[in-house]
């Protein structure tokens, strides 16, 4: 599907216009105007206003049953990795290396560490940096301050969910 060309940001007036015909009476209910379904700007708005701020299903917990099991997904256009750490805790991170913003892992599987294939930066399953090639000679390089950015992760009724909103 090709989305419409109008990519101007959504304004409060645009949101008001979408709900202008809203009624609680099912017999009189209508539908949203076509722009809300076909334009890039509405798609982008929904991604940031809805999907990036609400709990999103990732997988069934059996895919993350053992330490080192991981799955990757995309939430609101953002790459995420969910992993079971060595203590059995469920963790999620933005799947973006802190070095050059490359995807750290892809697909799903089991691993002892999360290793970026681009330059080999290696993270523990808790997101902390374990190794970064060619950094030992750097005077001010402190790996203890570098870690993958965490995303909220929860299990509910056997399912794994993530939420990009830290305030959720």
N, C-alpha and C. Protein backbone atom coordinates (compact mmCIF):
# COMPACT_ATOMS: atom_id res chain seq x y z
N UNK A 1 0.84 -1.17 0.00
CA UNK A 1 0.00 0.00 0.00
C UNK A 1 0.89 1.23 0.00
N UNK A 2 0.63 2.15 -0.89
CA UNK A 2 1.36 3.41 -0.93
C UNK A 2 0.59 4.44 -0.13
N UNK A 3 1.28 5.04 0.81
CA UNK A 3 0.62 6.04 1.64
C UNK A 3 0.67 7.39 0.95
N UNK A 4 -0.27 8.27 1.29
CA UNK A 4 -0.36 9.60 0.69
C UNK A 4 0.88 10.43 0.91
N UNK A 5 1.04 11.48 0.11
CA UNK A 5 2.25 12.28 0.10
C UNK A 5 2.31 13.33 1.21
N UNK A 6 1.19 13.72 1.80
CA UNK A 6 1.20 14.76 2.83
C UNK A 6 1.87 14.21 4.09
N UNK A 7 3.06 14.72 4.39
CA UNK A 7 3.79 14.23 5.56
C UNK A 7 3.92 15.29 6.65
N UNK A 8 3.11 16.34 6.58
CA UNK A 8 3.13 17.36 7.62
C UNK A 8 2.74 16.73 8.95
N UNK A 9 3.34 17.17 10.05
CA UNK A 9 3.00 16.59 11.36
C UNK A 9 1.52 16.77 11.69
N UNK A 10 1.01 15.82 12.45
CA UNK A 10 -0.38 15.88 12.90
C UNK A 10 -0.50 16.96 13.98
N UNK A 11 -1.52 17.77 13.87
CA UNK A 11 -1.77 18.84 14.84
C UNK A 11 -2.96 18.47 15.71
N UNK A 12 -3.16 19.15 16.84
CA UNK A 12 -4.36 18.90 17.65
C UNK A 12 -5.65 19.10 16.85
N UNK A 13 -5.64 20.05 15.92
CA UNK A 13 -6.83 20.26 15.09
C UNK A 13 -7.11 19.05 14.21
N UNK A 14 -6.06 18.40 13.71
CA UNK A 14 -6.23 17.18 12.91
C UNK A 14 -6.89 16.09 13.74
N UNK A 15 -6.43 15.93 14.97
CA UNK A 15 -6.99 14.91 15.86
C UNK A 15 -8.45 15.22 16.16
N UNK A 16 -8.75 16.48 16.43
CA UNK A 16 -10.14 16.88 16.69
C UNK A 16 -11.03 16.59 15.49
N UNK A 17 -10.50 16.84 14.29
CA UNK A 17 -11.28 16.62 13.07
C UNK A 17 -11.61 15.14 12.89
N UNK A 18 -10.69 14.26 13.27
CA UNK A 18 -10.94 12.83 13.13
C UNK A 18 -12.13 12.41 13.98
N UNK A 19 -12.22 12.95 15.20
CA UNK A 19 -13.31 12.55 16.08
C UNK A 19 -14.54 13.43 16.02
N UNK A 20 -14.57 14.37 15.09
CA UNK A 20 -15.68 15.33 15.03
C UNK A 20 -17.03 14.66 14.81
N UNK A 21 -17.05 13.56 14.09
CA UNK A 21 -18.31 12.89 13.80
C UNK A 21 -18.61 11.75 14.78
N UNK A 22 -17.85 11.67 15.86
CA UNK A 22 -18.03 10.58 16.82
C UNK A 22 -19.40 10.65 17.49
N UNK A 23 -19.98 9.49 17.64
CA UNK A 23 -21.24 9.37 18.36
C UNK A 23 -21.23 8.06 19.13
N UNK A 24 -21.89 8.04 20.26
CA UNK A 24 -22.00 6.82 21.05
C UNK A 24 -23.10 5.92 20.53
N UNK A 25 -23.89 6.41 19.60
CA UNK A 25 -25.00 5.65 19.04
C UNK A 25 -24.49 4.76 17.91
N UNK A 26 -24.45 3.44 18.08
CA UNK A 26 -23.93 2.56 17.03
C UNK A 26 -24.68 2.68 15.71
N UNK A 27 -25.96 2.98 15.76
CA UNK A 27 -26.74 3.09 14.53
C UNK A 27 -26.33 4.31 13.71
N UNK A 28 -25.78 5.32 14.37
CA UNK A 28 -25.38 6.54 13.66
C UNK A 28 -23.86 6.61 13.45
N UNK A 29 -23.14 5.58 13.87
CA UNK A 29 -21.68 5.60 13.79
C UNK A 29 -21.21 5.59 12.34
N UNK A 30 -20.10 6.25 12.12
CA UNK A 30 -19.50 6.29 10.79
C UNK A 30 -18.09 5.74 10.84
N UNK A 31 -17.27 6.21 9.95
CA UNK A 31 -15.88 5.77 9.89
C UNK A 31 -14.98 6.98 9.82
N UNK A 32 -13.72 6.78 10.05
CA UNK A 32 -12.76 7.87 9.93
C UNK A 32 -12.63 8.28 8.47
N UNK A 33 -12.20 9.49 8.24
CA UNK A 33 -11.97 9.95 6.88
C UNK A 33 -10.80 9.17 6.28
N UNK A 34 -10.75 9.07 4.97
CA UNK A 34 -9.76 8.24 4.28
C UNK A 34 -8.33 8.62 4.62
N UNK A 35 -8.07 9.90 4.86
CA UNK A 35 -6.71 10.35 5.16
C UNK A 35 -6.13 9.62 6.38
N UNK A 36 -6.96 9.30 7.34
CA UNK A 36 -6.49 8.63 8.55
C UNK A 36 -6.00 7.22 8.26
N UNK A 37 -6.39 6.65 7.13
CA UNK A 37 -5.98 5.30 6.77
C UNK A 37 -4.89 5.27 5.70
N UNK A 38 -4.71 6.37 4.98
CA UNK A 38 -3.88 6.31 3.78
C UNK A 38 -2.68 7.23 3.75
N UNK A 39 -2.49 8.08 4.75
CA UNK A 39 -1.37 9.01 4.67
C UNK A 39 -0.24 8.63 5.63
N UNK A 40 0.95 8.94 5.20
CA UNK A 40 2.14 8.66 6.01
C UNK A 40 2.10 9.41 7.34
N UNK A 41 1.60 10.63 7.31
CA UNK A 41 1.60 11.41 8.54
C UNK A 41 0.71 10.80 9.62
N UNK A 42 -0.42 10.22 9.24
CA UNK A 42 -1.26 9.55 10.23
C UNK A 42 -0.62 8.25 10.70
N UNK A 43 0.00 7.54 9.79
CA UNK A 43 0.72 6.32 10.16
C UNK A 43 1.80 6.64 11.19
N UNK A 44 2.61 7.66 10.90
CA UNK A 44 3.68 8.06 11.82
C UNK A 44 3.11 8.50 13.17
N UNK A 45 2.02 9.23 13.14
CA UNK A 45 1.38 9.69 14.37
C UNK A 45 0.92 8.50 15.22
N UNK A 46 0.27 7.53 14.59
CA UNK A 46 -0.19 6.35 15.33
C UNK A 46 0.98 5.58 15.92
N UNK A 47 2.06 5.46 15.17
CA UNK A 47 3.23 4.75 15.68
C UNK A 47 3.75 5.40 16.96
N UNK A 48 3.90 6.73 16.94
CA UNK A 48 4.46 7.42 18.11
C UNK A 48 3.45 7.64 19.23
N UNK A 49 2.20 7.92 18.88
CA UNK A 49 1.20 8.25 19.90
C UNK A 49 0.53 7.02 20.51
N UNK A 50 0.50 5.92 19.77
CA UNK A 50 -0.20 4.73 20.26
C UNK A 50 0.77 3.58 20.52
N UNK A 51 1.41 3.10 19.46
CA UNK A 51 2.20 1.87 19.57
C UNK A 51 3.47 2.04 20.39
N UNK A 52 4.10 3.20 20.36
CA UNK A 52 5.31 3.43 21.16
C UNK A 52 4.99 3.68 22.62
N UNK A 53 3.72 3.86 22.95
CA UNK A 53 3.33 4.18 24.33
C UNK A 53 2.44 3.14 24.96
N UNK A 54 2.31 2.00 24.34
CA UNK A 54 1.46 0.96 24.90
C UNK A 54 2.18 -0.38 24.84
N UNK A 55 1.71 -1.32 25.62
CA UNK A 55 2.33 -2.63 25.68
C UNK A 55 2.08 -3.38 24.38
N UNK A 56 3.15 -3.90 23.80
CA UNK A 56 3.07 -4.62 22.53
C UNK A 56 3.52 -6.06 22.72
N UNK A 57 2.74 -6.98 22.18
CA UNK A 57 3.05 -8.40 22.27
C UNK A 57 4.30 -8.72 21.46
N UNK A 58 5.16 -9.57 22.03
CA UNK A 58 6.38 -9.99 21.34
C UNK A 58 6.33 -11.48 21.00
N UNK A 59 6.07 -12.32 22.01
CA UNK A 59 6.09 -13.77 21.78
C UNK A 59 5.50 -14.48 22.99
N UNK A 60 5.39 -15.80 22.87
CA UNK A 60 5.03 -16.62 24.02
C UNK A 60 6.29 -16.84 24.84
N UNK A 61 6.15 -16.96 26.15
CA UNK A 61 7.32 -17.08 27.03
C UNK A 61 8.17 -18.32 26.73
N UNK A 62 7.60 -19.34 26.09
CA UNK A 62 8.40 -20.54 25.81
C UNK A 62 9.56 -20.25 24.85
N UNK A 63 9.45 -19.19 24.06
CA UNK A 63 10.57 -18.81 23.19
C UNK A 63 11.73 -18.22 23.98
N UNK A 64 11.46 -17.82 25.22
CA UNK A 64 12.48 -17.24 26.09
C UNK A 64 12.57 -18.03 27.39
N UNK A 65 12.53 -19.35 27.28
CA UNK A 65 12.47 -20.21 28.45
C UNK A 65 13.80 -20.34 29.18
N UNK A 66 14.91 -20.32 28.45
CA UNK A 66 16.23 -20.57 29.04
C UNK A 66 17.10 -19.32 29.00
N UNK A 67 18.08 -19.27 29.90
CA UNK A 67 19.03 -18.16 29.90
C UNK A 67 19.71 -18.09 28.53
N UNK A 68 19.78 -16.90 27.97
CA UNK A 68 20.39 -16.68 26.67
C UNK A 68 19.43 -16.72 25.50
N UNK A 69 18.21 -17.21 25.72
CA UNK A 69 17.22 -17.20 24.64
C UNK A 69 16.85 -15.76 24.33
N UNK A 70 16.74 -15.45 23.05
CA UNK A 70 16.38 -14.08 22.65
C UNK A 70 15.49 -14.10 21.42
N UNK A 71 14.72 -13.04 21.27
CA UNK A 71 13.94 -12.78 20.07
C UNK A 71 14.08 -11.30 19.74
N UNK A 72 13.99 -10.99 18.47
CA UNK A 72 14.02 -9.59 18.05
C UNK A 72 12.68 -9.24 17.42
N UNK A 73 12.36 -7.98 17.49
CA UNK A 73 11.11 -7.49 16.91
C UNK A 73 11.27 -6.01 16.61
N UNK A 74 10.25 -5.45 16.01
CA UNK A 74 10.20 -4.02 15.77
C UNK A 74 8.91 -3.49 16.38
N UNK A 75 9.04 -2.46 17.20
CA UNK A 75 7.89 -1.83 17.85
C UNK A 75 7.88 -0.37 17.46
N UNK A 76 6.80 0.07 16.83
CA UNK A 76 6.67 1.46 16.40
C UNK A 76 7.87 1.89 15.56
N UNK A 77 8.36 0.99 14.73
CA UNK A 77 9.48 1.29 13.85
C UNK A 77 10.84 1.21 14.52
N UNK A 78 10.89 0.77 15.77
CA UNK A 78 12.12 0.74 16.55
C UNK A 78 12.54 -0.72 16.78
N UNK A 79 13.81 -1.06 16.49
CA UNK A 79 14.26 -2.44 16.72
C UNK A 79 14.47 -2.73 18.20
N UNK A 80 13.97 -3.89 18.63
CA UNK A 80 14.04 -4.30 20.04
C UNK A 80 14.51 -5.75 20.10
N UNK A 81 15.32 -6.06 21.12
CA UNK A 81 15.68 -7.44 21.42
C UNK A 81 15.21 -7.75 22.83
N UNK A 82 14.60 -8.91 23.00
CA UNK A 82 14.15 -9.38 24.31
C UNK A 82 14.95 -10.64 24.61
N UNK A 83 15.51 -10.71 25.82
CA UNK A 83 16.41 -11.81 26.17
C UNK A 83 16.15 -12.26 27.61
N UNK A 84 16.42 -13.53 27.87
CA UNK A 84 16.37 -14.07 29.23
C UNK A 84 17.82 -14.06 29.73
N UNK A 85 18.09 -13.31 30.81
CA UNK A 85 19.48 -13.20 31.28
C UNK A 85 19.88 -14.42 32.12
N UNK A 86 21.11 -14.43 32.60
CA UNK A 86 21.65 -15.56 33.34
C UNK A 86 20.95 -15.84 34.65
N UNK A 87 20.28 -14.84 35.21
CA UNK A 87 19.53 -15.02 36.45
C UNK A 87 18.07 -15.37 36.19
N UNK A 88 17.72 -15.55 34.92
CA UNK A 88 16.34 -15.89 34.57
C UNK A 88 15.43 -14.70 34.40
N UNK A 89 16.00 -13.49 34.53
CA UNK A 89 15.19 -12.28 34.39
C UNK A 89 14.95 -11.95 32.92
N UNK A 90 13.74 -11.54 32.62
CA UNK A 90 13.39 -11.11 31.27
C UNK A 90 13.86 -9.67 31.09
N UNK A 91 14.61 -9.42 30.02
CA UNK A 91 15.12 -8.08 29.74
C UNK A 91 14.86 -7.73 28.29
N UNK A 92 14.71 -6.44 28.04
CA UNK A 92 14.54 -5.96 26.67
C UNK A 92 15.39 -4.71 26.49
N UNK A 93 15.91 -4.55 25.28
CA UNK A 93 16.77 -3.43 24.95
C UNK A 93 16.47 -2.95 23.54
N UNK A 94 16.80 -1.69 23.28
CA UNK A 94 16.83 -1.24 21.90
C UNK A 94 17.92 -2.06 21.23
N UNK A 95 17.62 -2.67 20.11
CA UNK A 95 18.55 -3.56 19.42
C UNK A 95 19.49 -2.73 18.55
N UNK A 96 20.23 -1.84 19.21
CA UNK A 96 21.10 -0.88 18.52
C UNK A 96 22.41 -0.79 19.29
N UNK A 97 23.51 -1.11 18.63
CA UNK A 97 24.82 -1.05 19.26
C UNK A 97 25.18 0.39 19.61
N UNK A 98 25.78 0.58 20.76
CA UNK A 98 26.16 1.93 21.21
C UNK A 98 27.35 2.48 20.44
N UNK A 99 28.02 1.65 19.66
CA UNK A 99 29.20 2.10 18.92
C UNK A 99 28.83 2.80 17.62
N UNK A 100 28.21 2.08 16.71
CA UNK A 100 27.88 2.64 15.40
C UNK A 100 26.42 2.42 15.00
N UNK A 101 25.59 2.15 16.00
CA UNK A 101 24.14 2.03 15.81
C UNK A 101 23.74 0.89 14.87
N UNK A 102 24.55 -0.13 14.79
CA UNK A 102 24.21 -1.31 13.99
C UNK A 102 23.30 -2.21 14.82
N UNK A 103 22.50 -3.02 14.15
CA UNK A 103 21.67 -4.02 14.83
C UNK A 103 22.60 -4.98 15.58
N UNK A 104 22.32 -5.23 16.84
CA UNK A 104 23.20 -6.08 17.65
C UNK A 104 22.99 -7.56 17.30
N UNK A 105 21.76 -8.02 17.32
CA UNK A 105 21.44 -9.40 16.96
C UNK A 105 20.23 -9.39 16.04
N UNK A 106 20.02 -10.50 15.35
CA UNK A 106 18.85 -10.59 14.47
C UNK A 106 18.13 -11.91 14.70
N UNK A 107 16.88 -11.93 14.31
CA UNK A 107 16.09 -13.15 14.41
C UNK A 107 15.83 -13.57 15.84
N UNK A 108 16.02 -14.86 16.08
CA UNK A 108 15.85 -15.42 17.42
C UNK A 108 16.84 -16.54 17.59
N UNK A 109 17.11 -16.89 18.84
CA UNK A 109 18.07 -17.96 19.10
C UNK A 109 18.45 -18.00 20.55
N UNK A 110 19.65 -18.53 20.80
CA UNK A 110 20.18 -18.60 22.16
C UNK A 110 21.65 -18.24 22.10
N UNK A 111 22.12 -17.46 23.07
CA UNK A 111 23.48 -16.97 23.06
C UNK A 111 23.94 -16.69 24.49
N UNK A 112 25.24 -16.65 24.68
CA UNK A 112 25.78 -16.29 25.98
C UNK A 112 26.01 -14.81 26.12
N UNK A 113 26.14 -14.13 24.97
CA UNK A 113 26.35 -12.69 24.94
C UNK A 113 25.63 -12.12 23.72
N UNK A 114 25.45 -10.82 23.72
CA UNK A 114 24.87 -10.12 22.57
C UNK A 114 26.03 -9.41 21.87
N UNK A 115 26.38 -9.87 20.66
CA UNK A 115 27.56 -9.37 19.97
C UNK A 115 27.18 -8.70 18.66
N UNK A 116 27.54 -7.44 18.53
CA UNK A 116 27.27 -6.71 17.30
C UNK A 116 28.19 -7.23 16.19
N UNK A 117 27.64 -7.59 15.05
CA UNK A 117 28.47 -8.14 13.98
C UNK A 117 29.32 -7.09 13.25
N UNK A 118 29.05 -5.83 13.46
CA UNK A 118 29.75 -4.78 12.71
C UNK A 118 31.18 -4.59 13.19
N UNK A 119 31.38 -4.30 14.47
CA UNK A 119 32.73 -4.12 15.01
C UNK A 119 33.00 -5.03 16.21
N UNK A 120 32.06 -5.90 16.51
CA UNK A 120 32.29 -6.89 17.55
C UNK A 120 32.08 -6.43 18.98
N UNK A 121 31.46 -5.28 19.17
CA UNK A 121 31.17 -4.88 20.55
C UNK A 121 30.26 -5.95 21.15
N UNK A 122 30.59 -6.36 22.37
CA UNK A 122 29.90 -7.48 22.99
C UNK A 122 29.29 -7.05 24.32
N UNK A 123 28.02 -7.38 24.48
CA UNK A 123 27.26 -7.00 25.67
C UNK A 123 26.84 -8.25 26.43
N UNK A 124 26.80 -8.13 27.75
CA UNK A 124 26.28 -9.20 28.59
C UNK A 124 24.76 -9.24 28.39
N UNK A 125 24.15 -10.31 28.87
CA UNK A 125 22.70 -10.44 28.73
C UNK A 125 21.94 -9.43 29.58
N UNK A 126 22.63 -8.72 30.47
CA UNK A 126 22.00 -7.64 31.23
C UNK A 126 22.17 -6.29 30.53
N UNK A 127 22.79 -6.30 29.34
CA UNK A 127 22.95 -5.09 28.54
C UNK A 127 24.26 -4.36 28.76
N UNK A 128 25.04 -4.75 29.76
CA UNK A 128 26.31 -4.06 30.02
C UNK A 128 27.37 -4.46 28.99
N UNK A 129 28.25 -3.52 28.69
CA UNK A 129 29.31 -3.77 27.72
C UNK A 129 30.38 -4.66 28.34
N UNK A 130 30.68 -5.78 27.66
CA UNK A 130 31.72 -6.70 28.12
C UNK A 130 33.04 -6.45 27.42
N UNK A 131 32.98 -6.19 26.11
CA UNK A 131 34.21 -6.03 25.33
C UNK A 131 33.96 -5.11 24.15
N UNK A 132 34.98 -4.31 23.87
CA UNK A 132 34.94 -3.42 22.71
C UNK A 132 36.35 -3.40 22.11
N UNK A 133 36.48 -3.93 20.91
CA UNK A 133 37.80 -4.04 20.28
C UNK A 133 38.47 -2.68 20.15
N UNK A 134 39.78 -2.71 20.30
CA UNK A 134 40.64 -1.54 20.08
C UNK A 134 40.34 -0.38 21.03
N UNK A 135 39.86 -0.67 22.23
CA UNK A 135 39.56 0.41 23.17
C UNK A 135 40.48 0.41 24.39
N UNK A 136 41.26 -0.63 24.58
CA UNK A 136 42.13 -0.71 25.76
C UNK A 136 43.15 0.43 25.79
N UNK A 137 43.59 0.89 24.63
CA UNK A 137 44.58 1.97 24.58
C UNK A 137 43.95 3.36 24.68
N UNK A 138 42.65 3.45 24.68
CA UNK A 138 41.98 4.74 24.80
C UNK A 138 41.99 5.18 26.27
N UNK A 139 42.57 6.33 26.53
CA UNK A 139 42.78 6.81 27.90
C UNK A 139 41.47 7.01 28.65
N UNK A 140 40.51 7.65 28.04
CA UNK A 140 39.27 8.01 28.74
C UNK A 140 38.10 7.06 28.47
N UNK A 141 38.39 5.89 27.91
CA UNK A 141 37.31 4.97 27.59
C UNK A 141 36.92 4.19 28.84
N UNK A 142 35.67 4.34 29.28
CA UNK A 142 35.18 3.65 30.47
C UNK A 142 34.00 2.76 30.08
N UNK A 143 34.24 1.47 29.89
CA UNK A 143 33.15 0.59 29.46
C UNK A 143 32.04 0.43 30.49
N UNK A 144 32.31 0.74 31.75
CA UNK A 144 31.28 0.56 32.78
C UNK A 144 30.10 1.51 32.59
N UNK A 145 30.32 2.59 31.87
CA UNK A 145 29.24 3.55 31.63
C UNK A 145 28.49 3.31 30.34
N UNK A 146 28.82 2.22 29.64
CA UNK A 146 28.20 1.95 28.35
C UNK A 146 27.35 0.68 28.46
N UNK A 147 26.10 0.79 28.09
CA UNK A 147 25.22 -0.37 28.08
C UNK A 147 24.10 -0.14 27.06
N UNK A 148 23.48 -1.22 26.68
CA UNK A 148 22.32 -1.11 25.79
C UNK A 148 21.20 -0.40 26.54
N UNK A 149 20.44 0.41 25.83
CA UNK A 149 19.33 1.13 26.45
C UNK A 149 18.16 0.17 26.69
N UNK A 150 17.69 0.14 27.92
CA UNK A 150 16.64 -0.80 28.31
C UNK A 150 15.26 -0.35 27.84
N UNK A 151 14.44 -1.34 27.60
CA UNK A 151 13.03 -1.18 27.26
C UNK A 151 12.26 -2.00 28.29
N UNK A 152 11.10 -1.54 28.70
CA UNK A 152 10.30 -2.30 29.66
C UNK A 152 9.84 -3.61 29.04
N UNK A 153 9.93 -4.68 29.83
CA UNK A 153 9.47 -6.00 29.39
C UNK A 153 8.72 -6.64 30.54
N UNK A 154 7.64 -7.31 30.21
CA UNK A 154 6.83 -8.00 31.22
C UNK A 154 6.25 -9.28 30.63
N UNK A 155 6.03 -10.25 31.52
CA UNK A 155 5.31 -11.45 31.14
C UNK A 155 3.91 -11.37 31.75
N UNK A 156 2.93 -11.75 30.96
CA UNK A 156 1.56 -11.77 31.45
C UNK A 156 0.85 -12.95 30.81
N UNK A 157 0.34 -13.85 31.64
CA UNK A 157 -0.43 -15.00 31.18
C UNK A 157 0.33 -15.81 30.12
N UNK A 158 1.64 -15.91 30.30
CA UNK A 158 2.45 -16.71 29.38
C UNK A 158 2.92 -15.97 28.15
N UNK A 159 2.61 -14.70 28.04
CA UNK A 159 3.02 -13.92 26.88
C UNK A 159 4.00 -12.83 27.30
N UNK A 160 4.89 -12.47 26.38
CA UNK A 160 5.90 -11.45 26.63
C UNK A 160 5.49 -10.18 25.91
N UNK A 161 5.54 -9.07 26.63
CA UNK A 161 5.19 -7.76 26.09
C UNK A 161 6.33 -6.79 26.36
N UNK A 162 6.45 -5.78 25.51
CA UNK A 162 7.39 -4.68 25.74
C UNK A 162 6.66 -3.36 25.59
N UNK A 163 7.24 -2.33 26.21
CA UNK A 163 6.69 -0.99 26.11
C UNK A 163 7.86 -0.02 26.02
N UNK A 164 7.88 0.80 24.97
CA UNK A 164 8.96 1.76 24.77
C UNK A 164 8.85 2.97 25.68
N UNK A 165 7.69 3.17 26.28
CA UNK A 165 7.47 4.34 27.13
C UNK A 165 8.00 4.05 28.54
N UNK A 166 9.06 4.74 28.98
CA UNK A 166 9.59 4.47 30.32
C UNK A 166 8.63 4.83 31.44
N UNK A 167 7.62 5.62 31.15
CA UNK A 167 6.65 6.03 32.18
C UNK A 167 5.45 5.09 32.26
N UNK A 168 5.42 4.08 31.44
CA UNK A 168 4.25 3.17 31.42
C UNK A 168 4.20 2.30 32.66
